[in-house]
Amino acid sequence: MSEMDDIQYLDFTDENGNTETFGLVGVVEYKEDTYLVLELPEEEQDDSEEVQLVFMLVIRDEEGEDCYEPVEDDALCDTLFDIYMQQLEEKLEREEAAMAELEDEDMDEEEEEDGEDGED
């Protein structure tokens, strides 16, 4: 696993021994299961502007090691996608609120400095 551009990259090897690298963009919890949200490698993306995602179910084997199984059920993929998008929206709202709070603090500090400059 390596990290570039704040995205972790994971290598997966399929049953034929082929290794592909996916970008880990999120984790979704659904019905007591954990799913990785992965971005397809650039060379496998189609020509559309939309990023294509793959969902992998995290399964723990007998030795306690994580194993990953691709989700192939379209209805489940749709549900996981909706949950992931909701998580992104909530994260964006939190970040916007934090930025607005910082801006308010900056404005308050500027007003205090302006008030101090005018006093003699």
Protein backbone atom coordinates (compact mmCIF):
# COMPACT_ATOMS: atom_id res chain seq x y z
CA MET A 1 0.00 0.00 0.00
CA SER A 2 1.34 3.42 -0.92
CA GLU A 3 0.01 6.93 -0.43
CA MET A 4 -0.03 9.68 -3.05
CA ASP A 5 -2.22 12.79 -3.33
CA ASP A 6 -3.98 11.93 -0.02
CA ILE A 7 -5.38 8.77 -1.60
CA GLN A 8 -4.16 5.39 -0.49
CA TYR A 9 -3.44 2.99 -3.31
CA LEU A 10 -4.03 -0.71 -2.82
CA ASP A 11 -2.81 -3.54 -5.01
CA PHE A 12 -5.23 -6.41 -5.57
CA THR A 13 -4.32 -9.70 -7.20
CA ASP A 14 -7.10 -11.61 -8.95
CA GLU A 15 -7.52 -15.38 -9.25
CA ASN A 16 -5.40 -15.32 -12.46
CA GLY A 17 -2.46 -13.65 -10.73
CA ASN A 18 -3.04 -10.25 -12.35
CA THR A 19 -2.36 -7.30 -10.06
CA GLU A 20 -4.24 -4.02 -10.33
CA THR A 21 -3.91 -0.86 -8.29
CA PHE A 22 -7.02 0.91 -7.02
CA GLY A 23 -7.37 4.18 -5.16
CA LEU A 24 -9.07 3.79 -1.77
CA VAL A 25 -11.48 6.74 -1.60
CA GLY A 26 -13.73 5.64 1.25
CA VAL A 27 -15.17 3.02 3.56
CA VAL A 28 -18.88 2.26 3.92
CA GLU A 29 -20.53 0.38 6.78
CA TYR A 30 -23.79 -1.33 5.80
CA LYS A 31 -25.74 -4.03 7.65
CA GLU A 32 -22.80 -4.86 9.93
CA ASP A 33 -20.47 -5.33 6.94
CA THR A 34 -17.58 -3.12 5.86
CA TYR A 35 -17.02 -2.22 2.22
CA LEU A 36 -14.06 -0.48 0.62
CA VAL A 37 -14.91 2.20 -1.93
CA LEU A 38 -12.28 2.00 -4.65
CA GLU A 39 -11.59 4.14 -7.69
CA LEU A 40 -10.82 2.23 -10.85
CA PRO A 41 -7.31 2.70 -12.26
CA GLU A 42 -7.12 5.55 -14.80
CA GLU A 43 -6.51 3.19 -17.71
CA GLU A 44 -9.76 1.37 -16.92
CA GLN A 45 -11.91 4.49 -16.62
CA ASP A 46 -14.14 5.12 -19.61
CA ASP A 47 -14.13 8.44 -21.45
CA SER A 48 -16.89 9.96 -19.29
CA GLU A 49 -16.16 12.72 -16.80
CA GLU A 50 -17.50 10.58 -13.95
CA VAL A 51 -15.19 8.62 -11.71
CA GLN A 52 -16.04 4.94 -11.71
CA LEU A 53 -16.10 3.16 -8.37
CA VAL A 54 -15.80 -0.46 -7.28
CA PHE A 55 -17.01 -1.81 -3.94
CA MET A 56 -15.20 -4.60 -2.10
CA LEU A 57 -16.64 -6.48 0.87
CA VAL A 58 -14.09 -6.88 3.66
CA ILE A 59 -14.08 -10.45 4.97
CA ARG A 60 -11.91 -11.70 7.82
CA ASP A 61 -10.45 -15.18 7.23
CA GLU A 62 -9.64 -17.86 9.84
CA GLU A 63 -6.21 -16.34 10.51
CA GLY A 64 -7.73 -12.90 11.12
CA GLU A 65 -6.44 -11.52 7.82
CA ASP A 66 -8.63 -9.22 5.73
CA CYS A 67 -9.79 -10.61 2.40
CA TYR A 68 -11.73 -8.69 -0.21
CA GLU A 69 -14.62 -9.80 -2.37
CA PRO A 70 -15.93 -7.60 -5.20
CA VAL A 71 -19.60 -6.65 -4.93
CA GLU A 72 -21.40 -7.72 -8.08
CA ASP A 73 -25.01 -7.19 -7.00
CA ASP A 74 -26.20 -4.02 -8.80
CA ALA A 75 -28.83 -3.19 -6.16
CA LEU A 76 -26.25 -3.46 -3.37
CA CYS A 77 -23.79 -1.33 -5.38
CA ASP A 78 -26.49 1.33 -5.78
CA THR A 79 -27.17 1.29 -2.03
CA LEU A 80 -23.48 1.51 -1.18
CA PHE A 81 -23.04 4.33 -3.69
CA ASP A 82 -25.91 6.27 -2.08
CA ILE A 83 -24.40 5.82 1.38
CA TYR A 84 -20.97 6.89 0.11
CA MET A 85 -22.42 10.01 -1.56
CA GLN A 86 -24.26 10.89 1.67
CA GLN A 87 -20.97 10.56 3.57
CA LEU A 88 -19.29 12.87 1.07
CA GLU A 89 -22.07 15.46 1.38
CA GLU A 90 -21.86 15.38 5.18
CA LYS A 91 -18.08 15.75 5.04
CA LEU A 92 -18.40 18.69 2.66
CA GLU A 93 -20.96 20.35 4.93
CA ARG A 94 -18.65 19.93 7.94
CA GLU A 95 -15.71 21.37 6.00
CA GLU A 96 -17.80 24.32 4.80
CA ALA A 97 -19.00 24.98 8.35
CA ALA A 98 -15.42 24.85 9.63
CA MET A 99 -14.27 27.25 6.89
CA ALA A 100 -17.14 29.65 7.66
CA GLU A 101 -16.20 29.55 11.35
CA LEU A 102 -12.57 30.35 10.52
CA GLU A 103 -13.67 33.21 8.29
CA ASP A 104 -15.89 34.57 11.08
CA GLU A 105 -12.97 34.39 13.52
CA ASP A 106 -10.73 36.21 11.02
CA MET A 107 -13.38 38.91 10.57
CA ASP A 108 -13.72 39.29 14.36
CA GLU A 109 -9.94 39.63 14.73
CA GLU A 110 -9.81 42.23 11.95
CA GLU A 111 -12.63 44.21 13.56
CA GLU A 112 -10.81 44.10 16.91
CA GLU A 113 -7.57 45.28 15.25
CA ASP A 114 -9.44 48.08 13.46
CA GLY A 115 -11.00 49.15 16.77
CA GLU A 116 -7.59 49.21 18.45
CA ASP A 117 -6.06 51.27 15.62
CA GLY A 118 -8.68 53.98 16.03
CA GLU A 119 -8.13 54.39 19.78
CA ASP A 120 -5.71 57.02 21.07
